[in-house]
N, C-alpha and C. Protein backbone atom coordinates (compact mmCIF):
# COMPACT_ATOMS: atom_id res chain seq x y z
N UNK A 1 75.43 96.72 80.97
CA UNK A 1 76.33 95.97 81.83
C UNK A 1 77.01 94.85 81.03
N UNK A 2 76.25 94.22 80.14
CA UNK A 2 76.83 93.15 79.34
C UNK A 2 77.95 93.68 78.45
N UNK A 3 77.76 94.91 77.93
CA UNK A 3 78.79 95.51 77.08
C UNK A 3 80.09 95.69 77.86
N UNK A 4 79.96 96.15 79.08
CA UNK A 4 81.14 96.39 79.92
C UNK A 4 81.85 95.07 80.20
N UNK A 5 81.10 94.05 80.54
CA UNK A 5 81.69 92.75 80.85
C UNK A 5 82.39 92.17 79.62
N UNK A 6 81.74 92.25 78.47
CA UNK A 6 82.37 91.72 77.26
C UNK A 6 83.61 92.53 76.88
N UNK A 7 83.55 93.84 77.11
CA UNK A 7 84.71 94.69 76.83
C UNK A 7 85.88 94.31 77.74
N UNK A 8 85.59 94.06 79.00
CA UNK A 8 86.64 93.67 79.94
C UNK A 8 87.22 92.30 79.60
N UNK A 9 86.39 91.40 79.17
CA UNK A 9 86.87 90.06 78.82
C UNK A 9 87.80 90.08 77.62
N UNK A 10 87.63 91.05 76.74
CA UNK A 10 88.49 91.14 75.56
C UNK A 10 89.84 91.76 75.88
N UNK A 11 89.95 92.39 77.04
CA UNK A 11 91.22 93.03 77.41
C UNK A 11 92.26 91.97 77.77
N UNK A 12 93.54 92.32 77.63
CA UNK A 12 94.59 91.38 78.06
C UNK A 12 94.52 91.17 79.58
N UNK A 13 95.10 90.07 80.02
CA UNK A 13 95.03 89.73 81.44
C UNK A 13 95.67 90.80 82.32
N UNK A 14 96.74 91.39 81.86
CA UNK A 14 97.43 92.42 82.64
C UNK A 14 96.50 93.61 82.89
N UNK A 15 95.77 94.02 81.89
CA UNK A 15 94.84 95.14 82.03
C UNK A 15 93.72 94.77 83.00
N UNK A 16 93.21 93.55 82.88
CA UNK A 16 92.15 93.10 83.80
C UNK A 16 92.64 93.08 85.24
N UNK A 17 93.90 92.67 85.43
CA UNK A 17 94.46 92.66 86.80
C UNK A 17 94.59 94.08 87.34
N UNK A 18 95.01 95.02 86.50
CA UNK A 18 95.11 96.41 86.94
C UNK A 18 93.73 96.94 87.35
N UNK A 19 92.74 96.64 86.55
CA UNK A 19 91.37 97.07 86.88
C UNK A 19 90.92 96.44 88.19
N UNK A 20 91.23 95.17 88.38
CA UNK A 20 90.87 94.48 89.61
C UNK A 20 91.54 95.13 90.82
N UNK A 21 92.82 95.44 90.71
CA UNK A 21 93.54 96.06 91.83
C UNK A 21 92.98 97.45 92.14
N UNK A 22 92.66 98.20 91.12
CA UNK A 22 92.09 99.53 91.34
C UNK A 22 90.73 99.42 92.04
N UNK A 23 89.91 98.49 91.59
CA UNK A 23 88.59 98.31 92.22
C UNK A 23 88.72 97.86 93.67
N UNK A 24 89.67 96.98 93.95
CA UNK A 24 89.88 96.51 95.32
C UNK A 24 90.33 97.67 96.21
N UNK A 25 91.25 98.50 95.72
CA UNK A 25 91.71 99.64 96.51
C UNK A 25 90.58 100.64 96.76
N UNK A 26 89.76 100.87 95.76
CA UNK A 26 88.63 101.79 95.94
C UNK A 26 87.64 101.23 96.96
N UNK A 27 87.34 99.95 96.88
CA UNK A 27 86.43 99.32 97.83
C UNK A 27 87.00 99.37 99.25
N UNK A 28 88.29 99.11 99.39
CA UNK A 28 88.93 99.17 100.70
C UNK A 28 88.88 100.58 101.27
N UNK A 29 89.11 101.58 100.43
CA UNK A 29 89.06 102.97 100.88
C UNK A 29 87.66 103.32 101.38
N UNK A 30 86.65 102.89 100.66
CA UNK A 30 85.27 103.16 101.09
C UNK A 30 84.99 102.47 102.42
N UNK A 31 85.43 101.24 102.56
CA UNK A 31 85.21 100.51 103.82
C UNK A 31 85.93 101.19 104.99
N UNK A 32 87.16 101.65 104.77
CA UNK A 32 87.91 102.32 105.83
C UNK A 32 87.25 103.63 106.22
N UNK A 33 86.78 104.38 105.22
CA UNK A 33 86.09 105.64 105.52
C UNK A 33 84.83 105.38 106.33
N UNK A 34 84.04 104.40 105.95
CA UNK A 34 82.84 104.06 106.71
C UNK A 34 83.19 103.62 108.13
N UNK A 35 84.26 102.85 108.26
CA UNK A 35 84.68 102.37 109.58
C UNK A 35 85.10 103.54 110.46
N UNK A 36 85.85 104.50 109.90
CA UNK A 36 86.32 105.65 110.68
C UNK A 36 85.13 106.48 111.15
N UNK A 37 84.17 106.72 110.27
CA UNK A 37 83.01 107.50 110.67
C UNK A 37 82.20 106.79 111.75
N UNK A 38 82.00 105.50 111.62
CA UNK A 38 81.23 104.78 112.64
C UNK A 38 82.01 104.69 113.95
N UNK A 39 83.33 104.57 113.85
CA UNK A 39 84.16 104.53 115.06
C UNK A 39 84.09 105.86 115.79
N UNK A 40 84.11 106.95 115.04
CA UNK A 40 84.01 108.28 115.64
C UNK A 40 82.71 108.46 116.39
N UNK A 41 81.62 107.98 115.82
CA UNK A 41 80.33 108.08 116.50
C UNK A 41 80.32 107.26 117.78
N UNK A 42 80.89 106.07 117.74
CA UNK A 42 80.88 105.20 118.91
C UNK A 42 81.76 105.75 120.02
N UNK A 43 82.88 106.36 119.69
CA UNK A 43 83.79 106.87 120.71
C UNK A 43 83.28 108.15 121.35
N UNK A 44 82.40 108.88 120.68
CA UNK A 44 81.90 110.14 121.20
C UNK A 44 80.85 109.92 122.29
N UNK A 45 80.12 108.82 122.23
CA UNK A 45 79.03 108.61 123.19
C UNK A 45 79.59 108.51 124.61
N UNK A 46 78.84 109.08 125.55
CA UNK A 46 79.31 109.12 126.94
C UNK A 46 79.36 107.73 127.56
N UNK A 47 78.44 106.86 127.16
CA UNK A 47 78.45 105.49 127.69
C UNK A 47 79.75 104.78 127.33
N UNK A 48 80.19 104.98 126.11
CA UNK A 48 81.42 104.34 125.65
C UNK A 48 82.62 104.89 126.40
N UNK A 49 82.64 106.20 126.62
CA UNK A 49 83.77 106.80 127.34
C UNK A 49 83.84 106.30 128.77
N UNK A 50 82.70 106.16 129.43
CA UNK A 50 82.68 105.64 130.80
C UNK A 50 83.16 104.19 130.81
N UNK A 51 82.68 103.40 129.86
CA UNK A 51 83.08 101.99 129.80
C UNK A 51 84.58 101.87 129.52
N UNK A 52 85.11 102.73 128.65
CA UNK A 52 86.55 102.68 128.35
C UNK A 52 87.37 103.00 129.60
N UNK A 53 86.94 103.98 130.39
CA UNK A 53 87.66 104.32 131.61
C UNK A 53 87.65 103.15 132.59
N UNK A 54 86.50 102.47 132.70
CA UNK A 54 86.41 101.32 133.60
C UNK A 54 87.26 100.16 133.10
N UNK A 55 87.30 99.97 131.78
CA UNK A 55 88.10 98.88 131.22
C UNK A 55 89.59 99.14 131.36
N UNK A 56 90.00 100.39 131.39
CA UNK A 56 91.42 100.72 131.46
C UNK A 56 91.97 100.72 132.88
N UNK A 57 91.12 100.68 133.90
CA UNK A 57 91.59 100.70 135.28
C UNK A 57 92.56 99.56 135.59
N UNK A 58 92.29 98.32 135.20
CA UNK A 58 93.25 97.25 135.51
C UNK A 58 94.61 97.48 134.84
N UNK A 59 94.61 98.06 133.65
CA UNK A 59 95.87 98.32 132.97
C UNK A 59 96.65 99.44 133.67
N UNK A 60 95.93 100.41 134.23
CA UNK A 60 96.59 101.47 134.99
C UNK A 60 97.25 100.89 136.23
N UNK A 61 96.55 100.01 136.91
CA UNK A 61 97.11 99.36 138.10
C UNK A 61 98.33 98.52 137.71
N UNK A 62 98.24 97.79 136.62
CA UNK A 62 99.36 96.98 136.16
C UNK A 62 100.56 97.86 135.83
N UNK A 63 100.32 98.97 135.14
CA UNK A 63 101.41 99.89 134.79
C UNK A 63 102.06 100.44 136.06
N UNK A 64 101.23 100.84 137.03
CA UNK A 64 101.77 101.37 138.28
C UNK A 64 102.62 100.32 139.00
N UNK A 65 102.16 99.08 139.02
CA UNK A 65 102.92 98.00 139.66
C UNK A 65 104.25 97.77 138.95
N UNK A 66 104.25 97.81 137.64
CA UNK A 66 105.50 97.61 136.89
C UNK A 66 106.47 98.75 137.16
N UNK A 67 105.96 99.99 137.17
CA UNK A 67 106.83 101.14 137.44
C UNK A 67 107.38 101.06 138.85
N UNK A 68 106.53 100.73 139.83
CA UNK A 68 107.00 100.61 141.21
C UNK A 68 108.04 99.49 141.35
N UNK A 69 107.80 98.38 140.68
CA UNK A 69 108.77 97.27 140.73
C UNK A 69 110.09 97.68 140.12
N UNK A 70 110.05 98.40 139.01
CA UNK A 70 111.29 98.86 138.37
C UNK A 70 112.04 99.83 139.27
N UNK A 71 111.30 100.74 139.91
CA UNK A 71 111.93 101.72 140.80
C UNK A 71 112.57 101.01 141.99
N UNK A 72 111.87 100.02 142.55
CA UNK A 72 112.41 99.33 143.73
C UNK A 72 113.65 98.52 143.36
N UNK A 73 113.68 97.92 142.17
CA UNK A 73 114.87 97.17 141.78
C UNK A 73 116.02 98.10 141.46
N UNK A 74 115.74 99.26 140.87
CA UNK A 74 116.83 100.19 140.57
C UNK A 74 117.37 100.81 141.85
N UNK A 75 116.52 101.01 142.88
CA UNK A 75 116.98 101.54 144.16
C UNK A 75 117.88 100.53 144.86
N UNK A 76 117.51 99.25 144.83
CA UNK A 76 118.34 98.25 145.49
C UNK A 76 119.64 98.05 144.72
N UNK A 77 119.62 98.16 143.41
CA UNK A 77 120.84 98.03 142.63
C UNK A 77 121.81 99.17 142.92
N UNK A 78 121.31 100.39 143.08
CA UNK A 78 122.19 101.53 143.34
C UNK A 78 122.77 101.45 144.74
N UNK A 79 122.04 100.91 145.71
CA UNK A 79 122.57 100.78 147.07
C UNK A 79 123.61 99.67 147.14
N UNK A 80 123.49 98.64 146.31
CA UNK A 80 124.44 97.55 146.29
C UNK A 80 125.75 98.01 145.67
N UNK A 81 125.68 98.86 144.67
CA UNK A 81 126.88 99.34 143.98
C UNK A 81 127.69 100.23 144.88
N UNK A 82 127.05 101.03 145.72
CA UNK A 82 127.76 101.95 146.60
C UNK A 82 128.44 101.15 147.66
């Protein structure tokens, strides 16, 4: 390990920065892959699916209210134009 560190220290700064960027990208890729696999496991469980459906109910109601409000305003606008 000491050999590697001393070898890296002797490299120009530009080379060290390239090595740093490559290592950061590799570490980020590993973290994203682990996150995707753990997310997949969590989303598959039935408890999570039930909880997601319950959590989305208020948003469904909100969406329906917005759509109904838009329809009612467009209906009144078309009757005013005629």
